[in-house]
Amino acid sequence: NSVRKINRSAQNWHQLENLSNFIK
């Protein structure tokens, strides 16, 4: 539960949000 939301969309801002959540 370190990353509560994982975006599986192909849009760029969704992918960047996943990377930002991973870094946090």
PDBML (XML) file of the C-alpha atoms, coordinates in Angstrom:
<?xml version="1.0" encoding="UTF-8" ?>
<PDBx:datablock datablockName="MODEL"
   xmlns:PDBx="http://pdbml.pdb.org/schema/pdbx-v50.xsd"
   xmlns:xsi="http://www.w3.org/2001/XMLSchema-instance"
   xsi:schemaLocation="http://pdbml.pdb.org/schema/pdbx-v50.xsd pdbx-v50.xsd">
   <PDBx:atom_siteCategory>
      <PDBx:atom_site id="1">
         <PDBx:B_iso_or_equiv>0.00</PDBx:B_iso_or_equiv>
         <PDBx:Cartn_x>0.000</PDBx:Cartn_x>
         <PDBx:Cartn_y>0.000</PDBx:Cartn_y>
         <PDBx:Cartn_z>0.000</PDBx:Cartn_z>
         <PDBx:auth_asym_id>A</PDBx:auth_asym_id>
         <PDBx:auth_atom_id>CA</PDBx:auth_atom_id>
         <PDBx:auth_comp_id>ASN</PDBx:auth_comp_id>
         <PDBx:auth_seq_id>1</PDBx:auth_seq_id>
         <PDBx:group_PDB>ATOM</PDBx:group_PDB>
         <PDBx:label_alt_id xsi:nil="true" />
         <PDBx:label_asym_id>A</PDBx:label_asym_id>
         <PDBx:label_atom_id>CA</PDBx:label_atom_id>
         <PDBx:label_comp_id>ASN</PDBx:label_comp_id>
         <PDBx:label_entity_id>1</PDBx:label_entity_id>
         <PDBx:label_seq_id>1</PDBx:label_seq_id>
         <PDBx:occupancy>1.00</PDBx:occupancy>
         <PDBx:pdbx_PDB_model_num>1</PDBx:pdbx_PDB_model_num>
         <PDBx:type_symbol>C</PDBx:type_symbol>
      </PDBx:atom_site>
      <PDBx:atom_site id="2">
         <PDBx:B_iso_or_equiv>0.00</PDBx:B_iso_or_equiv>
         <PDBx:Cartn_x>2.877</PDBx:Cartn_x>
         <PDBx:Cartn_y>2.395</PDBx:Cartn_y>
         <PDBx:Cartn_z>-0.602</PDBx:Cartn_z>
         <PDBx:auth_asym_id>A</PDBx:auth_asym_id>
         <PDBx:auth_atom_id>CA</PDBx:auth_atom_id>
         <PDBx:auth_comp_id>SER</PDBx:auth_comp_id>
         <PDBx:auth_seq_id>2</PDBx:auth_seq_id>
         <PDBx:group_PDB>ATOM</PDBx:group_PDB>
         <PDBx:label_alt_id xsi:nil="true" />
         <PDBx:label_asym_id>A</PDBx:label_asym_id>
         <PDBx:label_atom_id>CA</PDBx:label_atom_id>
         <PDBx:label_comp_id>SER</PDBx:label_comp_id>
         <PDBx:label_entity_id>1</PDBx:label_entity_id>
         <PDBx:label_seq_id>2</PDBx:label_seq_id>
         <PDBx:occupancy>1.00</PDBx:occupancy>
         <PDBx:pdbx_PDB_model_num>1</PDBx:pdbx_PDB_model_num>
         <PDBx:type_symbol>C</PDBx:type_symbol>
      </PDBx:atom_site>
      <PDBx:atom_site id="3">
         <PDBx:B_iso_or_equiv>0.00</PDBx:B_iso_or_equiv>
         <PDBx:Cartn_x>1.281</PDBx:Cartn_x>
         <PDBx:Cartn_y>3.338</PDBx:Cartn_y>
         <PDBx:Cartn_z>-3.974</PDBx:Cartn_z>
         <PDBx:auth_asym_id>A</PDBx:auth_asym_id>
         <PDBx:auth_atom_id>CA</PDBx:auth_atom_id>
         <PDBx:auth_comp_id>VAL</PDBx:auth_comp_id>
         <PDBx:auth_seq_id>3</PDBx:auth_seq_id>
         <PDBx:group_PDB>ATOM</PDBx:group_PDB>
         <PDBx:label_alt_id xsi:nil="true" />
         <PDBx:label_asym_id>A</PDBx:label_asym_id>
         <PDBx:label_atom_id>CA</PDBx:label_atom_id>
         <PDBx:label_comp_id>VAL</PDBx:label_comp_id>
         <PDBx:label_entity_id>1</PDBx:label_entity_id>
         <PDBx:label_seq_id>3</PDBx:label_seq_id>
         <PDBx:occupancy>1.00</PDBx:occupancy>
         <PDBx:pdbx_PDB_model_num>1</PDBx:pdbx_PDB_model_num>
         <PDBx:type_symbol>C</PDBx:type_symbol>
      </PDBx:atom_site>
      <PDBx:atom_site id="4">
         <PDBx:B_iso_or_equiv>0.00</PDBx:B_iso_or_equiv>
         <PDBx:Cartn_x>-2.483</PDBx:Cartn_x>
         <PDBx:Cartn_y>3.433</PDBx:Cartn_y>
         <PDBx:Cartn_z>-3.509</PDBx:Cartn_z>
         <PDBx:auth_asym_id>A</PDBx:auth_asym_id>
         <PDBx:auth_atom_id>CA</PDBx:auth_atom_id>
         <PDBx:auth_comp_id>ARG</PDBx:auth_comp_id>
         <PDBx:auth_seq_id>4</PDBx:auth_seq_id>
         <PDBx:group_PDB>ATOM</PDBx:group_PDB>
         <PDBx:label_alt_id xsi:nil="true" />
         <PDBx:label_asym_id>A</PDBx:label_asym_id>
         <PDBx:label_atom_id>CA</PDBx:label_atom_id>
         <PDBx:label_comp_id>ARG</PDBx:label_comp_id>
         <PDBx:label_entity_id>1</PDBx:label_entity_id>
         <PDBx:label_seq_id>4</PDBx:label_seq_id>
         <PDBx:occupancy>1.00</PDBx:occupancy>
         <PDBx:pdbx_PDB_model_num>1</PDBx:pdbx_PDB_model_num>
         <PDBx:type_symbol>C</PDBx:type_symbol>
      </PDBx:atom_site>
      <PDBx:atom_site id="5">
         <PDBx:B_iso_or_equiv>0.00</PDBx:B_iso_or_equiv>
         <PDBx:Cartn_x>-3.442</PDBx:Cartn_x>
         <PDBx:Cartn_y>4.335</PDBx:Cartn_y>
         <PDBx:Cartn_z>-7.082</PDBx:Cartn_z>
         <PDBx:auth_asym_id>A</PDBx:auth_asym_id>
         <PDBx:auth_atom_id>CA</PDBx:auth_atom_id>
         <PDBx:auth_comp_id>LYS</PDBx:auth_comp_id>
         <PDBx:auth_seq_id>5</PDBx:auth_seq_id>
         <PDBx:group_PDB>ATOM</PDBx:group_PDB>
         <PDBx:label_alt_id xsi:nil="true" />
         <PDBx:label_asym_id>A</PDBx:label_asym_id>
         <PDBx:label_atom_id>CA</PDBx:label_atom_id>
         <PDBx:label_comp_id>LYS</PDBx:label_comp_id>
         <PDBx:label_entity_id>1</PDBx:label_entity_id>
         <PDBx:label_seq_id>5</PDBx:label_seq_id>
         <PDBx:occupancy>1.00</PDBx:occupancy>
         <PDBx:pdbx_PDB_model_num>1</PDBx:pdbx_PDB_model_num>
         <PDBx:type_symbol>C</PDBx:type_symbol>
      </PDBx:atom_site>
      <PDBx:atom_site id="6">
         <PDBx:B_iso_or_equiv>0.00</PDBx:B_iso_or_equiv>
         <PDBx:Cartn_x>-1.870</PDBx:Cartn_x>
         <PDBx:Cartn_y>2.933</PDBx:Cartn_y>
         <PDBx:Cartn_z>-10.232</PDBx:Cartn_z>
         <PDBx:auth_asym_id>A</PDBx:auth_asym_id>
         <PDBx:auth_atom_id>CA</PDBx:auth_atom_id>
         <PDBx:auth_comp_id>ILE</PDBx:auth_comp_id>
         <PDBx:auth_seq_id>6</PDBx:auth_seq_id>
         <PDBx:group_PDB>ATOM</PDBx:group_PDB>
         <PDBx:label_alt_id xsi:nil="true" />
         <PDBx:label_asym_id>A</PDBx:label_asym_id>
         <PDBx:label_atom_id>CA</PDBx:label_atom_id>
         <PDBx:label_comp_id>ILE</PDBx:label_comp_id>
         <PDBx:label_entity_id>1</PDBx:label_entity_id>
         <PDBx:label_seq_id>6</PDBx:label_seq_id>
         <PDBx:occupancy>1.00</PDBx:occupancy>
         <PDBx:pdbx_PDB_model_num>1</PDBx:pdbx_PDB_model_num>
         <PDBx:type_symbol>C</PDBx:type_symbol>
      </PDBx:atom_site>
      <PDBx:atom_site id="7">
         <PDBx:B_iso_or_equiv>0.00</PDBx:B_iso_or_equiv>
         <PDBx:Cartn_x>-2.913</PDBx:Cartn_x>
         <PDBx:Cartn_y>4.501</PDBx:Cartn_y>
         <PDBx:Cartn_z>-13.521</PDBx:Cartn_z>
         <PDBx:auth_asym_id>A</PDBx:auth_asym_id>
         <PDBx:auth_atom_id>CA</PDBx:auth_atom_id>
         <PDBx:auth_comp_id>ASN</PDBx:auth_comp_id>
         <PDBx:auth_seq_id>7</PDBx:auth_seq_id>
         <PDBx:group_PDB>ATOM</PDBx:group_PDB>
         <PDBx:label_alt_id xsi:nil="true" />
         <PDBx:label_asym_id>A</PDBx:label_asym_id>
         <PDBx:label_atom_id>CA</PDBx:label_atom_id>
         <PDBx:label_comp_id>ASN</PDBx:label_comp_id>
         <PDBx:label_entity_id>1</PDBx:label_entity_id>
         <PDBx:label_seq_id>7</PDBx:label_seq_id>
         <PDBx:occupancy>1.00</PDBx:occupancy>
         <PDBx:pdbx_PDB_model_num>1</PDBx:pdbx_PDB_model_num>
         <PDBx:type_symbol>C</PDBx:type_symbol>
      </PDBx:atom_site>
      <PDBx:atom_site id="8">
         <PDBx:B_iso_or_equiv>0.00</PDBx:B_iso_or_equiv>
         <PDBx:Cartn_x>-3.057</PDBx:Cartn_x>
         <PDBx:Cartn_y>2.047</PDBx:Cartn_y>
         <PDBx:Cartn_z>-16.412</PDBx:Cartn_z>
         <PDBx:auth_asym_id>A</PDBx:auth_asym_id>
         <PDBx:auth_atom_id>CA</PDBx:auth_atom_id>
         <PDBx:auth_comp_id>ARG</PDBx:auth_comp_id>
         <PDBx:auth_seq_id>8</PDBx:auth_seq_id>
         <PDBx:group_PDB>ATOM</PDBx:group_PDB>
         <PDBx:label_alt_id xsi:nil="true" />
         <PDBx:label_asym_id>A</PDBx:label_asym_id>
         <PDBx:label_atom_id>CA</PDBx:label_atom_id>
         <PDBx:label_comp_id>ARG</PDBx:label_comp_id>
         <PDBx:label_entity_id>1</PDBx:label_entity_id>
         <PDBx:label_seq_id>8</PDBx:label_seq_id>
         <PDBx:occupancy>1.00</PDBx:occupancy>
         <PDBx:pdbx_PDB_model_num>1</PDBx:pdbx_PDB_model_num>
         <PDBx:type_symbol>C</PDBx:type_symbol>
      </PDBx:atom_site>
      <PDBx:atom_site id="9">
         <PDBx:B_iso_or_equiv>0.00</PDBx:B_iso_or_equiv>
         <PDBx:Cartn_x>-3.911</PDBx:Cartn_x>
         <PDBx:Cartn_y>4.654</PDBx:Cartn_y>
         <PDBx:Cartn_z>-18.991</PDBx:Cartn_z>
         <PDBx:auth_asym_id>A</PDBx:auth_asym_id>
         <PDBx:auth_atom_id>CA</PDBx:auth_atom_id>
         <PDBx:auth_comp_id>SER</PDBx:auth_comp_id>
         <PDBx:auth_seq_id>9</PDBx:auth_seq_id>
         <PDBx:group_PDB>ATOM</PDBx:group_PDB>
         <PDBx:label_alt_id xsi:nil="true" />
         <PDBx:label_asym_id>A</PDBx:label_asym_id>
         <PDBx:label_atom_id>CA</PDBx:label_atom_id>
         <PDBx:label_comp_id>SER</PDBx:label_comp_id>
         <PDBx:label_entity_id>1</PDBx:label_entity_id>
         <PDBx:label_seq_id>9</PDBx:label_seq_id>
         <PDBx:occupancy>1.00</PDBx:occupancy>
         <PDBx:pdbx_PDB_model_num>1</PDBx:pdbx_PDB_model_num>
         <PDBx:type_symbol>C</PDBx:type_symbol>
      </PDBx:atom_site>
      <PDBx:atom_site id="10">
         <PDBx:B_iso_or_equiv>0.00</PDBx:B_iso_or_equiv>
         <PDBx:Cartn_x>-1.766</PDBx:Cartn_x>
         <PDBx:Cartn_y>5.327</PDBx:Cartn_y>
         <PDBx:Cartn_z>-22.052</PDBx:Cartn_z>
         <PDBx:auth_asym_id>A</PDBx:auth_asym_id>
         <PDBx:auth_atom_id>CA</PDBx:auth_atom_id>
         <PDBx:auth_comp_id>ALA</PDBx:auth_comp_id>
         <PDBx:auth_seq_id>10</PDBx:auth_seq_id>
         <PDBx:group_PDB>ATOM</PDBx:group_PDB>
         <PDBx:label_alt_id xsi:nil="true" />
         <PDBx:label_asym_id>A</PDBx:label_asym_id>
         <PDBx:label_atom_id>CA</PDBx:label_atom_id>
         <PDBx:label_comp_id>ALA</PDBx:label_comp_id>
         <PDBx:label_entity_id>1</PDBx:label_entity_id>
         <PDBx:label_seq_id>10</PDBx:label_seq_id>
         <PDBx:occupancy>1.00</PDBx:occupancy>
         <PDBx:pdbx_PDB_model_num>1</PDBx:pdbx_PDB_model_num>
         <PDBx:type_symbol>C</PDBx:type_symbol>
      </PDBx:atom_site>
      <PDBx:atom_site id="11">
         <PDBx:B_iso_or_equiv>0.00</PDBx:B_iso_or_equiv>
         <PDBx:Cartn_x>-1.892</PDBx:Cartn_x>
         <PDBx:Cartn_y>9.067</PDBx:Cartn_y>
         <PDBx:Cartn_z>-21.565</PDBx:Cartn_z>
         <PDBx:auth_asym_id>A</PDBx:auth_asym_id>
         <PDBx:auth_atom_id>CA</PDBx:auth_atom_id>
         <PDBx:auth_comp_id>GLN</PDBx:auth_comp_id>
         <PDBx:auth_seq_id>11</PDBx:auth_seq_id>
         <PDBx:group_PDB>ATOM</PDBx:group_PDB>
         <PDBx:label_alt_id xsi:nil="true" />
         <PDBx:label_asym_id>A</PDBx:label_asym_id>
         <PDBx:label_atom_id>CA</PDBx:label_atom_id>
         <PDBx:label_comp_id>GLN</PDBx:label_comp_id>
         <PDBx:label_entity_id>1</PDBx:label_entity_id>
         <PDBx:label_seq_id>11</PDBx:label_seq_id>
         <PDBx:occupancy>1.00</PDBx:occupancy>
         <PDBx:pdbx_PDB_model_num>1</PDBx:pdbx_PDB_model_num>
         <PDBx:type_symbol>C</PDBx:type_symbol>
      </PDBx:atom_site>
      <PDBx:atom_site id="12">
         <PDBx:B_iso_or_equiv>0.00</PDBx:B_iso_or_equiv>
         <PDBx:Cartn_x>1.377</PDBx:Cartn_x>
         <PDBx:Cartn_y>10.772</PDBx:Cartn_y>
         <PDBx:Cartn_z>-20.775</PDBx:Cartn_z>
         <PDBx:auth_asym_id>A</PDBx:auth_asym_id>
         <PDBx:auth_atom_id>CA</PDBx:auth_atom_id>
         <PDBx:auth_comp_id>ASN</PDBx:auth_comp_id>
         <PDBx:auth_seq_id>12</PDBx:auth_seq_id>
         <PDBx:group_PDB>ATOM</PDBx:group_PDB>
         <PDBx:label_alt_id xsi:nil="true" />
         <PDBx:label_asym_id>A</PDBx:label_asym_id>
         <PDBx:label_atom_id>CA</PDBx:label_atom_id>
         <PDBx:label_comp_id>ASN</PDBx:label_comp_id>
         <PDBx:label_entity_id>1</PDBx:label_entity_id>
         <PDBx:label_seq_id>12</PDBx:label_seq_id>
         <PDBx:occupancy>1.00</PDBx:occupancy>
         <PDBx:pdbx_PDB_model_num>1</PDBx:pdbx_PDB_model_num>
         <PDBx:type_symbol>C</PDBx:type_symbol>
      </PDBx:atom_site>
      <PDBx:atom_site id="13">
         <PDBx:B_iso_or_equiv>0.00</PDBx:B_iso_or_equiv>
         <PDBx:Cartn_x>0.253</PDBx:Cartn_x>
         <PDBx:Cartn_y>12.639</PDBx:Cartn_y>
         <PDBx:Cartn_z>-17.658</PDBx:Cartn_z>
         <PDBx:auth_asym_id>A</PDBx:auth_asym_id>
         <PDBx:auth_atom_id>CA</PDBx:auth_atom_id>
         <PDBx:auth_comp_id>TRP</PDBx:auth_comp_id>
         <PDBx:auth_seq_id>13</PDBx:auth_seq_id>
         <PDBx:group_PDB>ATOM</PDBx:group_PDB>
         <PDBx:label_alt_id xsi:nil="true" />
         <PDBx:label_asym_id>A</PDBx:label_asym_id>
         <PDBx:label_atom_id>CA</PDBx:label_atom_id>
         <PDBx:label_comp_id>TRP</PDBx:label_comp_id>
         <PDBx:label_entity_id>1</PDBx:label_entity_id>
         <PDBx:label_seq_id>13</PDBx:label_seq_id>
         <PDBx:occupancy>1.00</PDBx:occupancy>
         <PDBx:pdbx_PDB_model_num>1</PDBx:pdbx_PDB_model_num>
         <PDBx:type_symbol>C</PDBx:type_symbol>
      </PDBx:atom_site>
      <PDBx:atom_site id="14">
         <PDBx:B_iso_or_equiv>0.00</PDBx:B_iso_or_equiv>
         <PDBx:Cartn_x>-1.082</PDBx:Cartn_x>
         <PDBx:Cartn_y>9.371</PDBx:Cartn_y>
         <PDBx:Cartn_z>-16.164</PDBx:Cartn_z>
         <PDBx:auth_asym_id>A</PDBx:auth_asym_id>
         <PDBx:auth_atom_id>CA</PDBx:auth_atom_id>
         <PDBx:auth_comp_id>HIS</PDBx:auth_comp_id>
         <PDBx:auth_seq_id>14</PDBx:auth_seq_id>
         <PDBx:group_PDB>ATOM</PDBx:group_PDB>
         <PDBx:label_alt_id xsi:nil="true" />
         <PDBx:label_asym_id>A</PDBx:label_asym_id>
         <PDBx:label_atom_id>CA</PDBx:label_atom_id>
         <PDBx:label_comp_id>HIS</PDBx:label_comp_id>
         <PDBx:label_entity_id>1</PDBx:label_entity_id>
         <PDBx:label_seq_id>14</PDBx:label_seq_id>
         <PDBx:occupancy>1.00</PDBx:occupancy>
         <PDBx:pdbx_PDB_model_num>1</PDBx:pdbx_PDB_model_num>
         <PDBx:type_symbol>C</PDBx:type_symbol>
      </PDBx:atom_site>
      <PDBx:atom_site id="15">
         <PDBx:B_iso_or_equiv>0.00</PDBx:B_iso_or_equiv>
         <PDBx:Cartn_x>2.253</PDBx:Cartn_x>
         <PDBx:Cartn_y>7.685</PDBx:Cartn_y>
         <PDBx:Cartn_z>-16.761</PDBx:Cartn_z>
         <PDBx:auth_asym_id>A</PDBx:auth_asym_id>
         <PDBx:auth_atom_id>CA</PDBx:auth_atom_id>
         <PDBx:auth_comp_id>GLN</PDBx:auth_comp_id>
         <PDBx:auth_seq_id>15</PDBx:auth_seq_id>
         <PDBx:group_PDB>ATOM</PDBx:group_PDB>
         <PDBx:label_alt_id xsi:nil="true" />
         <PDBx:label_asym_id>A</PDBx:label_asym_id>
         <PDBx:label_atom_id>CA</PDBx:label_atom_id>
         <PDBx:label_comp_id>GLN</PDBx:label_comp_id>
         <PDBx:label_entity_id>1</PDBx:label_entity_id>
         <PDBx:label_seq_id>15</PDBx:label_seq_id>
         <PDBx:occupancy>1.00</PDBx:occupancy>
         <PDBx:pdbx_PDB_model_num>1</PDBx:pdbx_PDB_model_num>
         <PDBx:type_symbol>C</PDBx:type_symbol>
      </PDBx:atom_site>
      <PDBx:atom_site id="16">
         <PDBx:B_iso_or_equiv>0.00</PDBx:B_iso_or_equiv>
         <PDBx:Cartn_x>4.130</PDBx:Cartn_x>
         <PDBx:Cartn_y>10.655</PDBx:Cartn_y>
         <PDBx:Cartn_z>-15.278</PDBx:Cartn_z>
         <PDBx:auth_asym_id>A</PDBx:auth_asym_id>
         <PDBx:auth_atom_id>CA</PDBx:auth_atom_id>
         <PDBx:auth_comp_id>LEU</PDBx:auth_comp_id>
         <PDBx:auth_seq_id>16</PDBx:auth_seq_id>
         <PDBx:group_PDB>ATOM</PDBx:group_PDB>
         <PDBx:label_alt_id xsi:nil="true" />
         <PDBx:label_asym_id>A</PDBx:label_asym_id>
         <PDBx:label_atom_id>CA</PDBx:label_atom_id>
         <PDBx:label_comp_id>LEU</PDBx:label_comp_id>
         <PDBx:label_entity_id>1</PDBx:label_entity_id>
         <PDBx:label_seq_id>16</PDBx:label_seq_id>
         <PDBx:occupancy>1.00</PDBx:occupancy>
         <PDBx:pdbx_PDB_model_num>1</PDBx:pdbx_PDB_model_num>
         <PDBx:type_symbol>C</PDBx:type_symbol>
      </PDBx:atom_site>
      <PDBx:atom_site id="17">
         <PDBx:B_iso_or_equiv>0.00</PDBx:B_iso_or_equiv>
         <PDBx:Cartn_x>1.854</PDBx:Cartn_x>
         <PDBx:Cartn_y>10.487</PDBx:Cartn_y>
         <PDBx:Cartn_z>-12.240</PDBx:Cartn_z>
         <PDBx:auth_asym_id>A</PDBx:auth_asym_id>
         <PDBx:auth_atom_id>CA</PDBx:auth_atom_id>
         <PDBx:auth_comp_id>GLU</PDBx:auth_comp_id>
         <PDBx:auth_seq_id>17</PDBx:auth_seq_id>
         <PDBx:group_PDB>ATOM</PDBx:group_PDB>
         <PDBx:label_alt_id xsi:nil="true" />
         <PDBx:label_asym_id>A</PDBx:label_asym_id>
         <PDBx:label_atom_id>CA</PDBx:label_atom_id>
         <PDBx:label_comp_id>GLU</PDBx:label_comp_id>
         <PDBx:label_entity_id>1</PDBx:label_entity_id>
         <PDBx:label_seq_id>17</PDBx:label_seq_id>
         <PDBx:occupancy>1.00</PDBx:occupancy>
         <PDBx:pdbx_PDB_model_num>1</PDBx:pdbx_PDB_model_num>
         <PDBx:type_symbol>C</PDBx:type_symbol>
      </PDBx:atom_site>
      <PDBx:atom_site id="18">
         <PDBx:B_iso_or_equiv>0.00</PDBx:B_iso_or_equiv>
         <PDBx:Cartn_x>2.772</PDBx:Cartn_x>
         <PDBx:Cartn_y>6.812</PDBx:Cartn_y>
         <PDBx:Cartn_z>-11.763</PDBx:Cartn_z>
         <PDBx:auth_asym_id>A</PDBx:auth_asym_id>
         <PDBx:auth_atom_id>CA</PDBx:auth_atom_id>
         <PDBx:auth_comp_id>ASN</PDBx:auth_comp_id>
         <PDBx:auth_seq_id>18</PDBx:auth_seq_id>
         <PDBx:group_PDB>ATOM</PDBx:group_PDB>
         <PDBx:label_alt_id xsi:nil="true" />
         <PDBx:label_asym_id>A</PDBx:label_asym_id>
         <PDBx:label_atom_id>CA</PDBx:label_atom_id>
         <PDBx:label_comp_id>ASN</PDBx:label_comp_id>
         <PDBx:label_entity_id>1</PDBx:label_entity_id>
         <PDBx:label_seq_id>18</PDBx:label_seq_id>
         <PDBx:occupancy>1.00</PDBx:occupancy>
         <PDBx:pdbx_PDB_model_num>1</PDBx:pdbx_PDB_model_num>
         <PDBx:type_symbol>C</PDBx:type_symbol>
      </PDBx:atom_site>
      <PDBx:atom_site id="19">
         <PDBx:B_iso_or_equiv>0.00</PDBx:B_iso_or_equiv>
         <PDBx:Cartn_x>6.450</PDBx:Cartn_x>
         <PDBx:Cartn_y>7.650</PDBx:Cartn_y>
         <PDBx:Cartn_z>-11.909</PDBx:Cartn_z>
         <PDBx:auth_asym_id>A</PDBx:auth_asym_id>
         <PDBx:auth_atom_id>CA</PDBx:auth_atom_id>
         <PDBx:auth_comp_id>LEU</PDBx:auth_comp_id>
         <PDBx:auth_seq_id>19</PDBx:auth_seq_id>
         <PDBx:group_PDB>ATOM</PDBx:group_PDB>
         <PDBx:label_alt_id xsi:nil="true" />
         <PDBx:label_asym_id>A</PDBx:label_asym_id>
         <PDBx:label_atom_id>CA</PDBx:label_atom_id>
         <PDBx:label_comp_id>LEU</PDBx:label_comp_id>
         <PDBx:label_entity_id>1</PDBx:label_entity_id>
         <PDBx:label_seq_id>19</PDBx:label_seq_id>
         <PDBx:occupancy>1.00</PDBx:occupancy>
         <PDBx:pdbx_PDB_model_num>1</PDBx:pdbx_PDB_model_num>
         <PDBx:type_symbol>C</PDBx:type_symbol>
      </PDBx:atom_site>
      <PDBx:atom_site id="20">
         <PDBx:B_iso_or_equiv>0.00</PDBx:B_iso_or_equiv>
         <PDBx:Cartn_x>6.004</PDBx:Cartn_x>
         <PDBx:Cartn_y>10.492</PDBx:Cartn_y>
         <PDBx:Cartn_z>-9.404</PDBx:Cartn_z>
         <PDBx:auth_asym_id>A</PDBx:auth_asym_id>
         <PDBx:auth_atom_id>CA</PDBx:auth_atom_id>
         <PDBx:auth_comp_id>SER</PDBx:auth_comp_id>
         <PDBx:auth_seq_id>20</PDBx:auth_seq_id>
         <PDBx:group_PDB>ATOM</PDBx:group_PDB>
         <PDBx:label_alt_id xsi:nil="true" />
         <PDBx:label_asym_id>A</PDBx:label_asym_id>
         <PDBx:label_atom_id>CA</PDBx:label_atom_id>
         <PDBx:label_comp_id>SER</PDBx:label_comp_id>
         <PDBx:label_entity_id>1</PDBx:label_entity_id>
         <PDBx:label_seq_id>20</PDBx:label_seq_id>
         <PDBx:occupancy>1.00</PDBx:occupancy>
         <PDBx:pdbx_PDB_model_num>1</PDBx:pdbx_PDB_model_num>
         <PDBx:type_symbol>C</PDBx:type_symbol>
      </PDBx:atom_site>
      <PDBx:atom_site id="21">
         <PDBx:B_iso_or_equiv>0.00</PDBx:B_iso_or_equiv>
         <PDBx:Cartn_x>4.137</PDBx:Cartn_x>
         <PDBx:Cartn_y>8.181</PDBx:Cartn_y>
         <PDBx:Cartn_z>-6.999</PDBx:Cartn_z>
         <PDBx:auth_asym_id>A</PDBx:auth_asym_id>
         <PDBx:auth_atom_id>CA</PDBx:auth_atom_id>
         <PDBx:auth_comp_id>ASN</PDBx:auth_comp_id>
         <PDBx:auth_seq_id>21</PDBx:auth_seq_id>
         <PDBx:group_PDB>ATOM</PDBx:group_PDB>
         <PDBx:label_alt_id xsi:nil="true" />
         <PDBx:label_asym_id>A</PDBx:label_asym_id>
         <PDBx:label_atom_id>CA</PDBx:label_atom_id>
         <PDBx:label_comp_id>ASN</PDBx:label_comp_id>
         <PDBx:label_entity_id>1</PDBx:label_entity_id>
         <PDBx:label_seq_id>21</PDBx:label_seq_id>
         <PDBx:occupancy>1.00</PDBx:occupancy>
         <PDBx:pdbx_PDB_model_num>1</PDBx:pdbx_PDB_model_num>
         <PDBx:type_symbol>C</PDBx:type_symbol>
      </PDBx:atom_site>
      <PDBx:atom_site id="22">
         <PDBx:B_iso_or_equiv>0.00</PDBx:B_iso_or_equiv>
         <PDBx:Cartn_x>6.897</PDBx:Cartn_x>
         <PDBx:Cartn_y>5.595</PDBx:Cartn_y>
         <PDBx:Cartn_z>-7.367</PDBx:Cartn_z>
         <PDBx:auth_asym_id>A</PDBx:auth_asym_id>
         <PDBx:auth_atom_id>CA</PDBx:auth_atom_id>
         <PDBx:auth_comp_id>PHE</PDBx:auth_comp_id>
         <PDBx:auth_seq_id>22</PDBx:auth_seq_id>
         <PDBx:group_PDB>ATOM</PDBx:group_PDB>
         <PDBx:label_alt_id xsi:nil="true" />
         <PDBx:label_asym_id>A</PDBx:label_asym_id>
         <PDBx:label_atom_id>CA</PDBx:label_atom_id>
         <PDBx:label_comp_id>PHE</PDBx:label_comp_id>
         <PDBx:label_entity_id>1</PDBx:label_entity_id>
         <PDBx:label_seq_id>22</PDBx:label_seq_id>
         <PDBx:occupancy>1.00</PDBx:occupancy>
         <PDBx:pdbx_PDB_model_num>1</PDBx:pdbx_PDB_model_num>
         <PDBx:type_symbol>C</PDBx:type_symbol>
      </PDBx:atom_site>
      <PDBx:atom_site id="23">
         <PDBx:B_iso_or_equiv>0.00</PDBx:B_iso_or_equiv>
         <PDBx:Cartn_x>9.581</PDBx:Cartn_x>
         <PDBx:Cartn_y>8.169</PDBx:Cartn_y>
         <PDBx:Cartn_z>-6.507</PDBx:Cartn_z>
         <PDBx:auth_asym_id>A</PDBx:auth_asym_id>
         <PDBx:auth_atom_id>CA</PDBx:auth_atom_id>
         <PDBx:auth_comp_id>ILE</PDBx:auth_comp_id>
         <PDBx:auth_seq_id>23</PDBx:auth_seq_id>
         <PDBx:group_PDB>ATOM</PDBx:group_PDB>
         <PDBx:label_alt_id xsi:nil="true" />
         <PDBx:label_asym_id>A</PDBx:label_asym_id>
         <PDBx:label_atom_id>CA</PDBx:label_atom_id>
         <PDBx:label_comp_id>ILE</PDBx:label_comp_id>
         <PDBx:label_entity_id>1</PDBx:label_entity_id>
         <PDBx:label_seq_id>23</PDBx:label_seq_id>
         <PDBx:occupancy>1.00</PDBx:occupancy>
         <PDBx:pdbx_PDB_model_num>1</PDBx:pdbx_PDB_model_num>
         <PDBx:type_symbol>C</PDBx:type_symbol>
      </PDBx:atom_site>
      <PDBx:atom_site id="24">
         <PDBx:B_iso_or_equiv>0.00</PDBx:B_iso_or_equiv>
         <PDBx:Cartn_x>7.619</PDBx:Cartn_x>
         <PDBx:Cartn_y>9.326</PDBx:Cartn_y>
         <PDBx:Cartn_z>-3.433</PDBx:Cartn_z>
         <PDBx:auth_asym_id>A</PDBx:auth_asym_id>
         <PDBx:auth_atom_id>CA</PDBx:auth_atom_id>
         <PDBx:auth_comp_id>LYS</PDBx:auth_comp_id>
         <PDBx:auth_seq_id>24</PDBx:auth_seq_id>
         <PDBx:group_PDB>ATOM</PDBx:group_PDB>
         <PDBx:label_alt_id xsi:nil="true" />
         <PDBx:label_asym_id>A</PDBx:label_asym_id>
         <PDBx:label_atom_id>CA</PDBx:label_atom_id>
         <PDBx:label_comp_id>LYS</PDBx:label_comp_id>
         <PDBx:label_entity_id>1</PDBx:label_entity_id>
         <PDBx:label_seq_id>24</PDBx:label_seq_id>
         <PDBx:occupancy>1.00</PDBx:occupancy>
         <PDBx:pdbx_PDB_model_num>1</PDBx:pdbx_PDB_model_num>
         <PDBx:type_symbol>C</PDBx:type_symbol>
      </PDBx:atom_site>
   </PDBx:atom_siteCategory>
</PDBx:datablock>
